[in-house]
């Protein structure tokens, strides 16, 4: 009787693991697809970091002036892209800024 109980528990545990893996795998594929579409449509994207919540921080460069770039954050859960920082370096000549 003990062997039957152990086999039943093993089957139950295995079924639970397979089910939870299947449920977790599908959303990750959808999140990957969203992320790929967002990054494919940007100008020279470079992923800089991914935080604990899964948000992706990336930079893009201006197509006309490669010195201008933007740091953005993409949240794959909501599908929103947020512009965090836009940097445009300036040149200084004789104490005056030239943009």
PDB file of N, CA and C in Angstrom:
ATOM      1  N   UNK A   1       0.819  -1.198   0.000  1.00  0.00           N
ATOM      2  CA  UNK A   1       0.000   0.000   0.000  1.00  0.00           C
ATOM      3  C   UNK A   1       0.862   1.262   0.000  1.00  0.00           C
ATOM      4  N   UNK A   2       2.022   1.190   0.647  1.00  0.00           N
ATOM      5  CA  UNK A   2       2.903   2.351   0.704  1.00  0.00           C
ATOM      6  C   UNK A   2       3.443   2.667  -0.688  1.00  0.00           C
ATOM      7  N   UNK A   3       3.780   1.663  -1.444  1.00  0.00           N
ATOM      8  CA  UNK A   3       4.320   1.884  -2.783  1.00  0.00           C
ATOM      9  C   UNK A   3       3.296   2.548  -3.692  1.00  0.00           C
ATOM     10  N   UNK A   4       2.054   2.150  -3.606  1.00  0.00           N
ATOM     11  CA  UNK A   4       0.993   2.750  -4.420  1.00  0.00           C
ATOM     12  C   UNK A   4       0.823   4.217  -4.050  1.00  0.00           C
ATOM     13  N   UNK A   5       0.882   4.524  -2.765  1.00  0.00           N
ATOM     14  CA  UNK A   5       0.734   5.907  -2.309  1.00  0.00           C
ATOM     15  C   UNK A   5       1.903   6.754  -2.815  1.00  0.00           C
ATOM     16  N   UNK A   6       3.125   6.221  -2.757  1.00  0.00           N
ATOM     17  CA  UNK A   6       4.293   6.954  -3.247  1.00  0.00           C
ATOM     18  C   UNK A   6       4.225   7.177  -4.753  1.00  0.00           C
ATOM     19  N   UNK A   7       3.787   6.175  -5.482  1.00  0.00           N
ATOM     20  CA  UNK A   7       3.649   6.315  -6.936  1.00  0.00           C
ATOM     21  C   UNK A   7       2.595   7.362  -7.265  1.00  0.00           C
ATOM     22  N   UNK A   8       1.482   7.345  -6.543  1.00  0.00           N
ATOM     23  CA  UNK A   8       0.427   8.332  -6.765  1.00  0.00           C
ATOM     24  C   UNK A   8       0.946   9.742  -6.501  1.00  0.00           C
ATOM     25  N   UNK A   9       1.698   9.926  -5.406  1.00  0.00           N
ATOM     26  CA  UNK A   9       2.260  11.246  -5.096  1.00  0.00           C
ATOM     27  C   UNK A   9       3.264  11.684  -6.157  1.00  0.00           C
ATOM     28  N   UNK A  10       4.065  10.748  -6.643  1.00  0.00           N
ATOM     29  CA  UNK A  10       5.037  11.079  -7.686  1.00  0.00           C
ATOM     30  C   UNK A  10       4.337  11.508  -8.974  1.00  0.00           C
ATOM     31  N   UNK A  11       3.285  10.803  -9.349  1.00  0.00           N
ATOM     32  CA  UNK A  11       2.522  11.166 -10.551  1.00  0.00           C
ATOM     33  C   UNK A  11       1.854  12.522 -10.365  1.00  0.00           C
ATOM     34  N   UNK A  12       1.297  12.769  -9.190  1.00  0.00           N
ATOM     35  CA  UNK A  12       0.654  14.051  -8.908  1.00  0.00           C
ATOM     36  C   UNK A  12       1.665  15.189  -8.975  1.00  0.00           C
ATOM     37  N   UNK A  13       2.837  14.986  -8.400  1.00  0.00           N
ATOM     38  CA  UNK A  13       3.887  16.000  -8.429  1.00  0.00           C
ATOM     39  C   UNK A  13       4.357  16.263  -9.855  1.00  0.00           C
ATOM     40  N   UNK A  14       4.569  15.219 -10.623  1.00  0.00           N
ATOM     41  CA  UNK A  14       5.002  15.358 -12.011  1.00  0.00           C
ATOM     42  C   UNK A  14       3.958  16.091 -12.848  1.00  0.00           C
ATOM     43  N   UNK A  15       2.692  15.762 -12.661  1.00  0.00           N
ATOM     44  CA  UNK A  15       1.607  16.434 -13.380  1.00  0.00           C
ATOM     45  C   UNK A  15       1.564  17.913 -13.025  1.00  0.00           C
ATOM     46  N   UNK A  16       1.736  18.231 -11.756  1.00  0.00           N
ATOM     47  CA  UNK A  16       1.732  19.628 -11.308  1.00  0.00           C
ATOM     48  C   UNK A  16       2.890  20.395 -11.933  1.00  0.00           C
ATOM     49  N   UNK A  17       4.074  19.791 -11.960  1.00  0.00           N
ATOM     50  CA  UNK A  17       5.233  20.457 -12.553  1.00  0.00           C
ATOM     51  C   UNK A  17       5.045  20.702 -14.046  1.00  0.00           C
ATOM     52  N   UNK A  18       4.555  19.716 -14.765  1.00  0.00           N
ATOM     53  CA  UNK A  18       4.338  19.862 -16.209  1.00  0.00           C
ATOM     54  C   UNK A  18       3.292  20.931 -16.487  1.00  0.00           C
ATOM     55  N   UNK A  19       2.210  20.936 -15.717  1.00  0.00           N
ATOM     56  CA  UNK A  19       1.154  21.934 -15.899  1.00  0.00           C
ATOM     57  C   UNK A  19       1.667  23.333 -15.620  1.00  0.00           C
ATOM     58  N   UNK A  20       2.395  23.515 -14.526  1.00  0.00           N
ATOM     59  CA  UNK A  20       2.888  24.852 -14.201  1.00  0.00           C
ATOM     60  C   UNK A  20       3.929  25.303 -15.214  1.00  0.00           C
ATOM     61  N   UNK A  21       4.761  24.395 -15.729  1.00  0.00           N
ATOM     62  CA  UNK A  21       5.731  24.759 -16.757  1.00  0.00           C
ATOM     63  C   UNK A  21       5.021  25.198 -18.031  1.00  0.00           C
ATOM     64  N   UNK A  22       3.972  24.502 -18.417  1.00  0.00           N
ATOM     65  CA  UNK A  22       3.211  24.858 -19.614  1.00  0.00           C
ATOM     66  C   UNK A  22       2.564  26.223 -19.455  1.00  0.00           C
ATOM     67  N   UNK A  23       2.015  26.500 -18.290  1.00  0.00           N
ATOM     68  CA  UNK A  23       1.373  27.792 -18.057  1.00  0.00           C
ATOM     69  C   UNK A  23       2.388  28.923 -18.056  1.00  0.00           C
ATOM     70  N   UNK A  24       3.585  28.679 -17.538  1.00  0.00           N
ATOM     71  CA  UNK A  24       4.602  29.724 -17.494  1.00  0.00           C
ATOM     72  C   UNK A  24       5.266  29.935 -18.848  1.00  0.00           C
ATOM     73  N   UNK A  25       5.361  28.905 -19.655  1.00  0.00           N
ATOM     74  CA  UNK A  25       6.068  29.017 -20.926  1.00  0.00           C
ATOM     75  C   UNK A  25       5.323  29.892 -21.922  1.00  0.00           C
ATOM     76  N   UNK A  26       4.024  29.811 -21.972  1.00  0.00           N
ATOM     77  CA  UNK A  26       3.273  30.574 -22.961  1.00  0.00           C
ATOM     78  C   UNK A  26       3.394  32.076 -22.764  1.00  0.00           C
ATOM     79  N   UNK A  27       3.182  32.620 -21.558  1.00  0.00           N
ATOM     80  CA  UNK A  27       3.334  34.064 -21.407  1.00  0.00           C
ATOM     81  C   UNK A  27       4.748  34.545 -21.729  1.00  0.00           C
ATOM     82  N   UNK A  28       5.783  33.755 -21.410  1.00  0.00           N
ATOM     83  CA  UNK A  28       7.145  34.177 -21.720  1.00  0.00           C
ATOM     84  C   UNK A  28       7.337  34.298 -23.222  1.00  0.00           C
ATOM     85  N   UNK A  29       6.744  33.393 -23.993  1.00  0.00           N
ATOM     86  CA  UNK A  29       6.856  33.475 -25.447  1.00  0.00           C
ATOM     87  C   UNK A  29       6.158  34.728 -25.957  1.00  0.00           C
ATOM     88  N   UNK A  30       4.996  35.036 -25.401  1.00  0.00           N
ATOM     89  CA  UNK A  30       4.280  36.237 -25.826  1.00  0.00           C
ATOM     90  C   UNK A  30       5.066  37.487 -25.462  1.00  0.00           C
ATOM     91  N   UNK A  31       5.671  37.516 -24.263  1.00  0.00           N
ATOM     92  CA  UNK A  31       6.466  38.673 -23.853  1.00  0.00           C
ATOM     93  C   UNK A  31       7.680  38.826 -24.757  1.00  0.00           C
ATOM     94  N   UNK A  32       8.306  37.716 -25.124  1.00  0.00           N
ATOM     95  CA  UNK A  32       9.455  37.773 -26.025  1.00  0.00           C
ATOM     96  C   UNK A  32       9.045  38.345 -27.375  1.00  0.00           C
ATOM     97  N   UNK A  33       7.901  37.914 -27.888  1.00  0.00           N
ATOM     98  CA  UNK A  33       7.425  38.405 -29.185  1.00  0.00           C
ATOM     99  C   UNK A  33       7.177  39.903 -29.130  1.00  0.00           C
ATOM    100  N   UNK A  34       6.543  40.379 -28.044  1.00  0.00           N
ATOM    101  CA  UNK A  34       6.312  41.822 -27.898  1.00  0.00           C
ATOM    102  C   UNK A  34       7.634  42.573 -27.872  1.00  0.00           C
ATOM    103  N   UNK A  35       8.589  42.072 -27.106  1.00  0.00           N
ATOM    104  CA  UNK A  35       9.887  42.731 -26.983  1.00  0.00           C
ATOM    105  C   UNK A  35      10.595  42.774 -28.325  1.00  0.00           C
ATOM    106  N   UNK A  36      10.558  41.693 -29.069  1.00  0.00           N
ATOM    107  CA  UNK A  36      11.224  41.633 -30.367  1.00  0.00           C
ATOM    108  C   UNK A  36      10.613  42.636 -31.338  1.00  0.00           C
ATOM    109  N   UNK A  37       9.308  42.771 -31.360  1.00  0.00           N
ATOM    110  CA  UNK A  37       8.646  43.730 -32.249  1.00  0.00           C
ATOM    111  C   UNK A  37       9.047  45.152 -31.882  1.00  0.00           C
ATOM    112  N   UNK A  38       9.054  45.474 -30.591  1.00  0.00           N
ATOM    113  CA  UNK A  38       9.434  46.818 -30.151  1.00  0.00           C
ATOM    114  C   UNK A  38      10.864  47.132 -30.585  1.00  0.00           C
ATOM    115  N   UNK A  39      11.803  46.247 -30.326  1.00  0.00           N
ATOM    116  CA  UNK A  39      13.208  46.507 -30.638  1.00  0.00           C
ATOM    117  C   UNK A  39      13.480  46.501 -32.135  1.00  0.00           C
ATOM    118  N   UNK A  40      12.771  45.705 -32.915  1.00  0.00           N
ATOM    119  CA  UNK A  40      12.979  45.669 -34.362  1.00  0.00           C
ATOM    120  C   UNK A  40      12.601  46.986 -35.032  1.00  0.00           C
ATOM    121  N   UNK A  41      11.682  47.733 -34.452  1.00  0.00           N
ATOM    122  CA  UNK A  41      11.211  48.972 -35.068  1.00  0.00           C
ATOM    123  C   UNK A  41      12.001  50.201 -34.625  1.00  0.00           C
ATOM    124  N   UNK A  42      13.084  50.022 -33.883  1.00  0.00           N
ATOM    125  CA  UNK A  42      13.851  51.155 -33.376  1.00  0.00           C
ATOM    126  C   UNK A  42      15.142  51.341 -34.164  1.00  0.00           C
ATOM    127  N   UNK A  43      15.711  52.551 -34.029  1.00  0.00           N
ATOM    128  CA  UNK A  43      16.954  52.869 -34.707  1.00  0.00           C
ATOM    129  C   UNK A  43      18.143  52.436 -33.855  1.00  0.00           C
ATOM    130  N   UNK A  44      18.842  51.406 -34.302  1.00  0.00           N
ATOM    131  CA  UNK A  44      20.037  50.880 -33.634  1.00  0.00           C
ATOM    132  C   UNK A  44      19.831  50.663 -32.133  1.00  0.00           C
ATOM    133  N   UNK A  45      18.881  49.821 -31.739  1.00  0.00           N
ATOM    134  CA  UNK A  45      18.657  49.608 -30.304  1.00  0.00           C
ATOM    135  C   UNK A  45      19.790  48.800 -29.667  1.00  0.00           C
ATOM    136  N   UNK A  46      20.067  49.120 -28.408  1.00  0.00           N
ATOM    137  CA  UNK A  46      21.053  48.358 -27.632  1.00  0.00           C
ATOM    138  C   UNK A  46      20.486  48.155 -26.237  1.00  0.00           C
ATOM    139  N   UNK A  47      20.306  46.910 -25.838  1.00  0.00           N
ATOM    140  CA  UNK A  47      19.773  46.631 -24.506  1.00  0.00           C
ATOM    141  C   UNK A  47      20.867  46.912 -23.486  1.00  0.00           C
ATOM    142  N   UNK A  48      20.532  47.735 -22.489  1.00  0.00           N
ATOM    143  CA  UNK A  48      21.487  48.122 -21.459  1.00  0.00           C
ATOM    144  C   UNK A  48      21.321  47.314 -20.184  1.00  0.00           C
ATOM    145  N   UNK A  49      20.059  47.024 -19.805  1.00  0.00           N
ATOM    146  CA  UNK A  49      19.811  46.337 -18.540  1.00  0.00           C
ATOM    147  C   UNK A  49      18.395  45.779 -18.522  1.00  0.00           C
ATOM    148  N   UNK A  50      18.162  44.818 -17.632  1.00  0.00           N
ATOM    149  CA  UNK A  50      16.827  44.288 -17.363  1.00  0.00           C
ATOM    150  C   UNK A  50      16.681  44.259 -15.852  1.00  0.00           C
ATOM    151  N   UNK A  51      15.629  44.893 -15.320  1.00  0.00           N
ATOM    152  CA  UNK A  51      15.464  44.928 -13.867  1.00  0.00           C
ATOM    153  C   UNK A  51      14.711  43.704 -13.355  1.00  0.00           C
ATOM    154  N   UNK A  52      14.513  43.645 -12.036  1.00  0.00           N
ATOM    155  CA  UNK A  52      13.886  42.475 -11.412  1.00  0.00           C
ATOM    156  C   UNK A  52      12.447  42.273 -11.859  1.00  0.00           C
ATOM    157  N   UNK A  53      11.760  43.346 -12.270  1.00  0.00           N
ATOM    158  CA  UNK A  53      10.381  43.239 -12.741  1.00  0.00           C
ATOM    159  C   UNK A  53      10.306  42.816 -14.208  1.00  0.00           C
ATOM    160  N   UNK A  54      11.469  42.635 -14.857  1.00  0.00           N
ATOM    161  CA  UNK A  54      11.492  42.206 -16.247  1.00  0.00           C
ATOM    162  C   UNK A  54      11.435  43.351 -17.243  1.00  0.00           C
ATOM    163  N   UNK A  55      11.494  44.595 -16.759  1.00  0.00           N
ATOM    164  CA  UNK A  55      11.485  45.742 -17.671  1.00  0.00           C
ATOM    165  C   UNK A  55      12.851  45.875 -18.330  1.00  0.00           C
ATOM    166  N   UNK A  56      12.838  46.191 -19.604  1.00  0.00           N
ATOM    167  CA  UNK A  56      14.063  46.242 -20.398  1.00  0.00           C
ATOM    168  C   UNK A  56      14.451  47.699 -20.617  1.00  0.00           C
ATOM    169  N   UNK A  57      15.690  48.035 -20.263  1.00  0.00           N
ATOM    170  CA  UNK A  57      16.227  49.376 -20.480  1.00  0.00           C
ATOM    171  C   UNK A  57      17.120  49.318 -21.714  1.00  0.00           C
ATOM    172  N   UNK A  58      16.868  50.214 -22.675  1.00  0.00           N
ATOM    173  CA  UNK A  58      17.642  50.183 -23.910  1.00  0.00           C
ATOM    174  C   UNK A  58      17.875  51.589 -24.419  1.00  0.00           C
ATOM    175  N   UNK A  59      18.900  51.729 -25.248  1.00  0.00           N
ATOM    176  CA  UNK A  59      19.206  53.017 -25.868  1.00  0.00           C
ATOM    177  C   UNK A  59      18.946  52.917 -27.366  1.00  0.00           C
ATOM    178  N   UNK A  60      18.572  54.050 -27.937  1.00  0.00           N
ATOM    179  CA  UNK A  60      18.441  54.163 -29.388  1.00  0.00           C
ATOM    180  C   UNK A  60      19.187  55.413 -29.825  1.00  0.00           C
ATOM    181  N   UNK A  61      19.691  55.385 -31.042  1.00  0.00           N
ATOM    182  CA  UNK A  61      20.434  56.518 -31.578  1.00  0.00           C
ATOM    183  C   UNK A  61      19.617  57.212 -32.649  1.00  0.00           C
ATOM    184  N   UNK A  62      19.778  58.527 -32.729  1.00  0.00           N
ATOM    185  CA  UNK A  62      19.122  59.320 -33.765  1.00  0.00           C
ATOM    186  C   UNK A  62      19.655  58.863 -35.124  1.00  0.00           C
ATOM    187  N   UNK A  63      18.768  58.693 -36.090  1.00  0.00           N
ATOM    188  CA  UNK A  63      19.202  58.203 -37.405  1.00  0.00           C
ATOM    189  C   UNK A  63      20.055  59.225 -38.156  1.00  0.00           C
ATOM    190  N   UNK A  64      19.858  60.513 -37.883  1.00  0.00           N
ATOM    191  CA  UNK A  64      20.625  61.543 -38.582  1.00  0.00           C
ATOM    192  C   UNK A  64      21.890  61.944 -37.829  1.00  0.00           C
ATOM    193  N   UNK A  65      21.838  61.954 -36.503  1.00  0.00           N
ATOM    194  CA  UNK A  65      22.982  62.368 -35.689  1.00  0.00           C
ATOM    195  C   UNK A  65      23.246  61.295 -34.641  1.00  0.00           C
ATOM    196  N   UNK A  66      24.293  60.505 -34.839  1.00  0.00           N
ATOM    197  CA  UNK A  66      24.564  59.384 -33.944  1.00  0.00           C
ATOM    198  C   UNK A  66      25.037  59.826 -32.564  1.00  0.00           C
ATOM    199  N   UNK A  67      25.309  61.122 -32.367  1.00  0.00           N
ATOM    200  CA  UNK A  67      25.688  61.610 -31.041  1.00  0.00           C
ATOM    201  C   UNK A  67      24.476  61.795 -30.137  1.00  0.00           C
ATOM    202  N   UNK A  68      23.284  61.850 -30.703  1.00  0.00           N
ATOM    203  CA  UNK A  68      22.057  61.996 -29.919  1.00  0.00           C
ATOM    204  C   UNK A  68      21.505  60.605 -29.631  1.00  0.00           C
ATOM    205  N   UNK A  69      21.226  60.343 -28.363  1.00  0.00           N
ATOM    206  CA  UNK A  69      20.618  59.053 -28.058  1.00  0.00           C
ATOM    207  C   UNK A  69      19.611  59.181 -26.927  1.00  0.00           C
ATOM    208  N   UNK A  70      18.765  58.176 -26.826  1.00  0.00           N
ATOM    209  CA  UNK A  70      17.671  58.160 -25.864  1.00  0.00           C
ATOM    210  C   UNK A  70      17.742  56.869 -25.056  1.00  0.00           C
ATOM    211  N   UNK A  71      17.542  57.001 -23.739  1.00  0.00           N
ATOM    212  CA  UNK A  71      17.418  55.834 -22.869  1.00  0.00           C
ATOM    213  C   UNK A  71      15.937  55.629 -22.617  1.00  0.00           C
ATOM    214  N   UNK A  72      15.454  54.433 -22.946  1.00  0.00           N
ATOM    215  CA  UNK A  72      14.032  54.130 -22.799  1.00  0.00           C
ATOM    216  C   UNK A  72      13.850  52.849 -21.995  1.00  0.00           C
ATOM    217  N   UNK A  73      12.632  52.673 -21.484  1.00  0.00           N
ATOM    218  CA  UNK A  73      12.307  51.467 -20.714  1.00  0.00           C
ATOM    219  C   UNK A  73      11.059  50.840 -21.314  1.00  0.00           C
ATOM    220  N   UNK A  74      11.130  49.535 -21.568  1.00  0.00           N
ATOM    221  CA  UNK A  74       9.999  48.787 -22.107  1.00  0.00           C
ATOM    222  C   UNK A  74       9.499  47.818 -21.054  1.00  0.00           C
ATOM    223  N   UNK A  75       8.198  47.880 -20.767  1.00  0.00           N
ATOM    224  CA  UNK A  75       7.566  46.959 -19.824  1.00  0.00           C
ATOM    225  C   UNK A  75       6.807  45.919 -20.635  1.00  0.00           C
ATOM    226  N   UNK A  76       7.287  44.667 -20.682  1.00  0.00           N
ATOM    227  CA  UNK A  76       6.624  43.655 -21.509  1.00  0.00           C
ATOM    228  C   UNK A  76       5.246  43.255 -20.993  1.00  0.00           C
ATOM    229  N   UNK A  77       4.954  43.513 -19.725  1.00  0.00           N
ATOM    230  CA  UNK A  77       3.642  43.177 -19.173  1.00  0.00           C
ATOM    231  C   UNK A  77       2.582  44.127 -19.728  1.00  0.00           C
ATOM    232  N   UNK A  78       2.871  45.435 -19.679  1.00  0.00           N
ATOM    233  CA  UNK A  78       1.900  46.429 -20.154  1.00  0.00           C
ATOM    234  C   UNK A  78       2.071  46.748 -21.634  1.00  0.00           C
ATOM    235  N   UNK A  79       3.267  46.466 -22.189  1.00  0.00           N
ATOM    236  CA  UNK A  79       3.534  46.784 -23.584  1.00  0.00           C
ATOM    237  C   UNK A  79       3.886  48.241 -23.814  1.00  0.00           C
ATOM    238  N   UNK A  80       4.140  48.992 -22.738  1.00  0.00           N
ATOM    239  CA  UNK A  80       4.425  50.429 -22.868  1.00  0.00           C
ATOM    240  C   UNK A  80       5.927  50.699 -22.891  1.00  0.00           C
ATOM    241  N   UNK A  81       6.302  51.684 -23.706  1.00  0.00           N
ATOM    242  CA  UNK A  81       7.677  52.169 -23.764  1.00  0.00           C
ATOM    243  C   UNK A  81       7.686  53.560 -23.156  1.00  0.00           C
ATOM    244  N   UNK A  82       8.605  53.778 -22.223  1.00  0.00           N
ATOM    245  CA  UNK A  82       8.707  55.072 -21.546  1.00  0.00           C
ATOM    246  C   UNK A  82      10.078  55.678 -21.837  1.00  0.00           C
ATOM    247  N   UNK A  83      10.086  56.916 -22.325  1.00  0.00           N
ATOM    248  CA  UNK A  83      11.345  57.611 -22.579  1.00  0.00           C
ATOM    249  C   UNK A  83      11.852  58.168 -21.249  1.00  0.00           C
ATOM    250  N   UNK A  84      13.047  57.764 -20.842  1.00  0.00           N
ATOM    251  CA  UNK A  84      13.593  58.189 -19.556  1.00  0.00           C
ATOM    252  C   UNK A  84      14.541  59.374 -19.695  1.00  0.00           C
ATOM    253  N   UNK A  85      15.483  59.284 -20.629  1.00  0.00           N
ATOM    254  CA  UNK A  85      16.491  60.331 -20.796  1.00  0.00           C
ATOM    255  C   UNK A  85      16.772  60.500 -22.280  1.00  0.00           C
ATOM    256  N   UNK A  86      16.862  61.764 -22.701  1.00  0.00           N
ATOM    257  CA  UNK A  86      17.261  62.055 -24.082  1.00  0.00           C
ATOM    258  C   UNK A  86      18.510  62.926 -23.996  1.00  0.00           C
ATOM    259  N   UNK A  87      19.590  62.471 -24.598  1.00  0.00           N
ATOM    260  CA  UNK A  87      20.859  63.185 -24.486  1.00  0.00           C
ATOM    261  C   UNK A  87      21.287  63.690 -25.856  1.00  0.00           C
ATOM    262  N   UNK A  88      21.584  64.984 -25.871  1.00  0.00           N
ATOM    263  CA  UNK A  88      22.109  65.620 -27.069  1.00  0.00           C
ATOM    264  C   UNK A  88      23.341  66.393 -26.628  1.00  0.00           C
ATOM    265  N   UNK A  89      24.517  65.892 -26.946  1.00  0.00           N
ATOM    266  CA  UNK A  89      25.719  66.600 -26.496  1.00  0.00           C
ATOM    267  C   UNK A  89      25.839  67.957 -27.169  1.00  0.00           C
ATOM    268  N   UNK A  90      26.429  68.886 -26.457  1.00  0.00           N
ATOM    269  CA  UNK A  90      26.639  70.217 -27.031  1.00  0.00           C
ATOM    270  C   UNK A  90      28.138  70.489 -27.108  1.00  0.00           C
ATOM    271  N   UNK A  91      28.507  71.346 -28.012  1.00  0.00           N
ATOM    272  CA  UNK A  91      29.902  71.741 -28.164  1.00  0.00           C
ATOM    273  C   UNK A  91      30.092  73.097 -27.502  1.00  0.00           C
ATOM    274  N   UNK A  92      31.209  73.275 -26.846  1.00  0.00           N
ATOM    275  CA  UNK A  92      31.488  74.554 -26.187  1.00  0.00           C
ATOM    276  C   UNK A  92      32.666  75.202 -26.903  1.00  0.00           C
ATOM    277  N   UNK A  93      32.424  76.432 -27.376  1.00  0.00           N
ATOM    278  CA  UNK A  93      33.478  77.213 -28.024  1.00  0.00           C
ATOM    279  C   UNK A  93      33.552  78.568 -27.339  1.00  0.00           C
ATOM    280  N   UNK A  94      34.721  78.912 -26.880  1.00  0.00           N
ATOM    281  CA  UNK A  94      34.984  80.206 -26.255  1.00  0.00           C
ATOM    282  C   UNK A  94      33.964  80.524 -25.172  1.00  0.00           C
ATOM    283  N   UNK A  95      33.644  79.512 -24.347  1.00  0.00           N
ATOM    284  CA  UNK A  95      32.763  79.748 -23.208  1.00  0.00           C
ATOM    285  C   UNK A  95      31.279  79.783 -23.535  1.00  0.00           C
ATOM    286  N   UNK A  96      30.900  79.539 -24.775  1.00  0.00           N
ATOM    287  CA  UNK A  96      29.478  79.547 -25.145  1.00  0.00           C
ATOM    288  C   UNK A  96      29.071  78.162 -25.626  1.00  0.00           C
ATOM    289  N   UNK A  97      27.848  77.793 -25.289  1.00  0.00           N
ATOM    290  CA  UNK A  97      27.335  76.505 -25.747  1.00  0.00           C
ATOM    291  C   UNK A  97      26.794  76.636 -27.164  1.00  0.00           C
ATOM    292  N   UNK A  98      27.125  75.689 -27.991  1.00  0.00           N
ATOM    293  CA  UNK A  98      26.589  75.644 -29.352  1.00  0.00           C
ATOM    294  C   UNK A  98      25.872  74.312 -29.500  1.00  0.00           C
ATOM    295  N   UNK A  99      24.596  74.362 -29.821  1.00  0.00           N
ATOM    296  CA  UNK A  99      23.806  73.125 -29.952  1.00  0.00           C
ATOM    297  C   UNK A  99      23.760  72.679 -31.384  1.00  0.00           C
TER     298      UNK A  99
END
